[in-house]
C-alpha cells in the first residue's frame, strides 16, 4: 500500500465516503474504480461514459453492502 494526498473539492470526501460505505473504505473503493477504468471497463471521456460510471458505482455499492453484511455477521459471532 502507498499513502497519497489528494486535493479535491469540498463536497467530494462526503460523496466518496457514501459511495465507498465509510471513510475507512475510500482508498479501496478508489483503487477498484481506477483498476476498472484502466482495464477499459469504465471508459472516461468516451461514449456512454455516464452510464458506464453509474453501472460501476452501483456494482461497487452492492459489493460494499454485501461486505458490510458479512462483517456484521462476523462481529455478531464474536464473544
Protein backbone atom coordinates (compact mmCIF):
# COMPACT_ATOMS: atom_id res chain seq x y z
CA UNK A 1 0.00 0.00 0.00
CA UNK A 2 1.02 3.56 -0.66
CA UNK A 3 -0.36 6.66 1.02
CA UNK A 4 -1.44 9.53 -1.22
CA UNK A 5 -2.58 13.04 -0.52
CA UNK A 6 -5.20 14.40 -2.90
CA UNK A 7 -6.72 17.82 -3.28
CA UNK A 8 -10.43 17.64 -4.12
CA UNK A 9 -13.38 19.99 -3.93
CA UNK A 10 -15.12 20.37 -0.57
CA UNK A 11 -18.07 18.10 -1.29
CA UNK A 12 -16.07 15.15 -2.66
CA UNK A 13 -14.92 13.45 0.60
CA UNK A 14 -18.50 13.05 1.84
CA UNK A 15 -19.69 11.71 -1.51
CA UNK A 16 -16.77 9.30 -1.69
CA UNK A 17 -17.41 8.06 1.84
CA UNK A 18 -21.06 7.41 0.98
CA UNK A 19 -20.16 5.55 -2.22
CA UNK A 20 -17.46 3.51 -0.51
CA UNK A 21 -19.51 2.65 2.54
CA UNK A 22 -17.43 4.58 5.05
CA UNK A 23 -14.29 6.66 5.48
CA UNK A 24 -12.04 3.64 6.01
CA UNK A 25 -13.11 2.10 2.71
CA UNK A 26 -12.49 5.09 0.44
CA UNK A 27 -8.99 4.03 -0.64
CA UNK A 28 -10.09 0.53 -1.53
CA UNK A 29 -13.07 1.90 -3.42
CA UNK A 30 -10.90 4.27 -5.45
CA UNK A 31 -8.37 1.51 -6.15
CA UNK A 32 -11.10 -0.74 -7.54
CA UNK A 33 -12.66 2.02 -9.63
CA UNK A 34 -9.32 3.08 -11.09
CA UNK A 35 -8.39 -0.52 -11.92
CA UNK A 36 -11.69 -0.92 -13.74
CA UNK A 37 -11.14 2.32 -15.64
CA UNK A 38 -7.61 1.29 -16.60
CA UNK A 39 -8.83 -2.12 -17.80
CA UNK A 40 -11.33 -0.39 -20.06
CA UNK A 41 -14.36 -1.47 -18.09
CA UNK A 42 -15.16 2.19 -17.49
CA UNK A 43 -14.27 4.50 -20.36
CA UNK A 44 -13.66 8.03 -19.15
CA UNK A 45 -14.40 10.58 -21.83
CA UNK A 46 -15.86 8.05 -24.23
CA UNK A 47 -19.39 7.48 -25.47
CA UNK A 48 -21.71 6.29 -22.73
CA UNK A 49 -19.32 7.46 -20.03
CA UNK A 50 -22.03 8.37 -17.56
CA UNK A 51 -23.84 5.04 -17.92
CA UNK A 52 -20.63 3.07 -17.52
CA UNK A 53 -19.52 5.00 -14.46
CA UNK A 54 -23.01 4.75 -13.00
CA UNK A 55 -23.04 0.98 -13.51
CA UNK A 56 -19.60 0.66 -11.91
CA UNK A 57 -20.68 2.73 -8.91
CA UNK A 58 -23.85 0.66 -8.47
CA UNK A 59 -21.86 -2.56 -8.68
CA UNK A 60 -19.28 -1.36 -6.17
CA UNK A 61 -22.02 -0.12 -3.87
CA UNK A 62 -23.62 -3.56 -3.93
CA UNK A 63 -20.28 -5.21 -3.17
CA UNK A 64 -19.69 -2.83 -0.25
CA UNK A 65 -23.14 -3.58 1.17
CA UNK A 66 -22.53 -7.31 0.84
CA UNK A 67 -19.20 -6.99 2.65
CA UNK A 68 -20.79 -4.87 5.36
CA UNK A 69 -23.31 -7.65 5.90
CA UNK A 70 -20.55 -10.23 6.18
CA UNK A 71 -18.64 -8.09 8.66
CA UNK A 72 -21.79 -7.62 10.74
CA UNK A 73 -22.32 -11.40 10.81
CA UNK A 74 -18.72 -11.98 11.89
CA UNK A 75 -18.98 -9.34 14.59
CA UNK A 76 -22.13 -10.99 15.94
CA UNK A 77 -20.29 -14.30 16.27
CA UNK A 78 -17.53 -12.83 18.43
CA UNK A 79 -18.00 -13.31 22.20
